[in-house]
Amino acid sequence: MVNSVTNFGRSGLYDWVIQRLSAVILAIYTLFLFGFVVATPDLTFAEWHGLFSQVWMKVFSLAALISICAHAWVGMWTISTDYITGSTSLRFIFQLVMAGFLFTYLVWGIDILWSV
């Protein structure tokens, strides 16, 4: 049996489920926003603000934000383990930078989302 030291005990199935679940959430969110824009031809800032002021929309947007971060993390982790094979420290630094970017994106997104 081969043990991987870079995935902290996750299995490939876990990563696959996270990728697929996050993709479904992002697809539904995108289709909803597209449908809202199409169904509201004279969209004003007040209507857009009203949509994002609803608690259910904030929760839906938060789910999409978490999903995009999870999706990006699994994808970047896969890329780093597949293509940065020569140096474990370089791969670790790459993953650390990606985690920092995703954390910043998540915190910034939550701040913007809940300040509406």
Protein backbone atom coordinates (compact mmCIF):
# COMPACT_ATOMS: atom_id res chain seq x y z
CA MET A 1 0.00 0.00 0.00
CA VAL A 2 1.27 3.45 -0.88
CA ASN A 3 0.88 6.25 1.64
CA SER A 4 0.87 9.82 0.45
CA VAL A 5 2.39 12.42 2.74
CA THR A 6 0.91 15.39 0.93
CA ASN A 7 -2.83 14.89 1.15
CA PHE A 8 -3.23 14.62 4.95
CA GLY A 9 -5.25 11.41 4.84
CA ARG A 10 -7.74 12.37 2.16
CA SER A 11 -8.61 9.84 -0.46
CA GLY A 12 -9.01 10.38 -4.17
CA LEU A 13 -12.72 9.68 -3.75
CA TYR A 14 -13.02 12.53 -1.24
CA ASP A 15 -11.35 14.93 -3.68
CA TRP A 16 -13.58 13.71 -6.51
CA VAL A 17 -16.74 14.26 -4.45
CA ILE A 18 -15.64 17.76 -3.40
CA GLN A 19 -14.90 18.68 -7.03
CA ARG A 20 -18.25 17.39 -8.29
CA LEU A 21 -20.34 18.82 -5.44
CA SER A 22 -18.72 22.24 -5.72
CA ALA A 23 -19.16 22.20 -9.50
CA VAL A 24 -22.89 21.45 -9.11
CA ILE A 25 -23.33 24.30 -6.59
CA LEU A 26 -21.45 26.71 -8.87
CA ALA A 27 -23.50 25.63 -11.90
CA ILE A 28 -26.79 26.15 -10.07
CA TYR A 29 -25.61 29.55 -8.79
CA THR A 30 -24.51 30.62 -12.27
CA LEU A 31 -27.76 29.47 -13.87
CA PHE A 32 -29.78 31.28 -11.21
CA LEU A 33 -27.89 34.55 -11.74
CA PHE A 34 -28.16 34.20 -15.51
CA GLY A 35 -31.90 33.52 -15.21
CA PHE A 36 -32.36 36.50 -12.92
CA VAL A 37 -30.56 38.84 -15.34
CA VAL A 38 -32.53 37.50 -18.32
CA ALA A 39 -35.86 37.67 -16.46
CA THR A 40 -35.20 41.25 -15.36
CA PRO A 41 -34.47 43.15 -18.59
CA ASP A 42 -34.47 46.61 -16.99
CA LEU A 43 -32.27 45.62 -14.07
CA THR A 44 -31.48 48.50 -11.77
CA PHE A 45 -29.03 48.79 -8.91
CA ALA A 46 -31.93 48.83 -6.45
CA GLU A 47 -33.21 45.46 -7.74
CA TRP A 48 -29.71 43.97 -7.73
CA HIS A 49 -29.10 45.30 -4.20
CA GLY A 50 -32.50 43.97 -3.15
CA LEU A 51 -31.61 40.50 -4.40
CA PHE A 52 -28.31 40.40 -2.55
CA SER A 53 -29.86 41.88 0.61
CA GLN A 54 -32.01 38.77 1.04
CA VAL A 55 -30.65 36.33 3.65
CA TRP A 56 -31.28 33.31 1.43
CA MET A 57 -29.24 34.94 -1.37
CA LYS A 58 -26.41 35.69 1.04
CA VAL A 59 -26.40 32.04 2.15
CA PHE A 60 -26.56 30.88 -1.49
CA SER A 61 -23.70 33.23 -2.41
CA LEU A 62 -21.70 32.06 0.61
CA ALA A 63 -22.19 28.45 -0.51
CA ALA A 64 -20.95 29.42 -3.98
CA LEU A 65 -17.95 31.25 -2.50
CA ILE A 66 -16.99 28.29 -0.32
CA SER A 67 -17.53 25.99 -3.30
CA ILE A 68 -15.23 27.96 -5.57
CA CYS A 69 -12.53 27.96 -2.89
CA ALA A 70 -12.88 24.21 -2.32
CA HIS A 71 -12.93 23.54 -6.07
CA ALA A 72 -9.83 25.68 -6.61
CA TRP A 73 -7.99 24.07 -3.70
CA VAL A 74 -8.55 20.52 -4.93
CA GLY A 75 -7.59 21.56 -8.46
CA MET A 76 -4.43 23.40 -7.41
CA TRP A 77 -3.46 20.59 -5.03
CA THR A 78 -3.84 18.10 -7.89
CA ILE A 79 -1.79 20.28 -10.24
CA SER A 80 0.95 20.76 -7.67
CA THR A 81 1.25 17.06 -6.86
CA ASP A 82 1.20 16.10 -10.54
CA TYR A 83 3.60 18.69 -11.91
CA ILE A 84 5.84 19.84 -9.06
CA THR A 85 7.50 16.50 -8.42
CA GLY A 86 11.18 17.38 -8.03
CA SER A 87 11.05 19.28 -4.77
CA THR A 88 8.73 18.69 -1.85
CA SER A 89 9.61 22.07 -0.36
CA LEU A 90 8.76 23.87 -3.61
CA ARG A 91 5.42 22.04 -3.75
CA PHE A 92 4.75 22.96 -0.12
CA ILE A 93 5.54 26.63 -0.78
CA PHE A 94 3.27 26.60 -3.85
CA GLN A 95 0.44 25.04 -1.83
CA LEU A 96 1.00 27.50 1.01
CA VAL A 97 0.78 30.47 -1.39
CA MET A 98 -2.38 29.03 -2.97
CA ALA A 99 -3.92 28.49 0.47
CA GLY A 100 -3.09 32.10 1.36
CA PHE A 101 -4.72 33.40 -1.82
CA LEU A 102 -7.83 31.27 -1.30
CA PHE A 103 -8.11 32.29 2.36
CA THR A 104 -7.80 35.96 1.41
CA TYR A 105 -10.40 35.52 -1.33
CA LEU A 106 -12.78 33.78 1.07
CA VAL A 107 -12.44 36.37 3.86
CA TRP A 108 -12.71 39.27 1.42
CA GLY A 109 -15.76 37.69 -0.24
CA ILE A 110 -17.50 37.13 3.09
CA ASP A 111 -16.79 40.72 4.09
CA ILE A 112 -18.26 42.03 0.83
CA LEU A 113 -21.21 39.64 0.89
CA TRP A 114 -22.34 40.34 4.45
CA SER A 115 -21.81 44.09 4.21
CA VAL A 116 -24.68 44.49 1.72
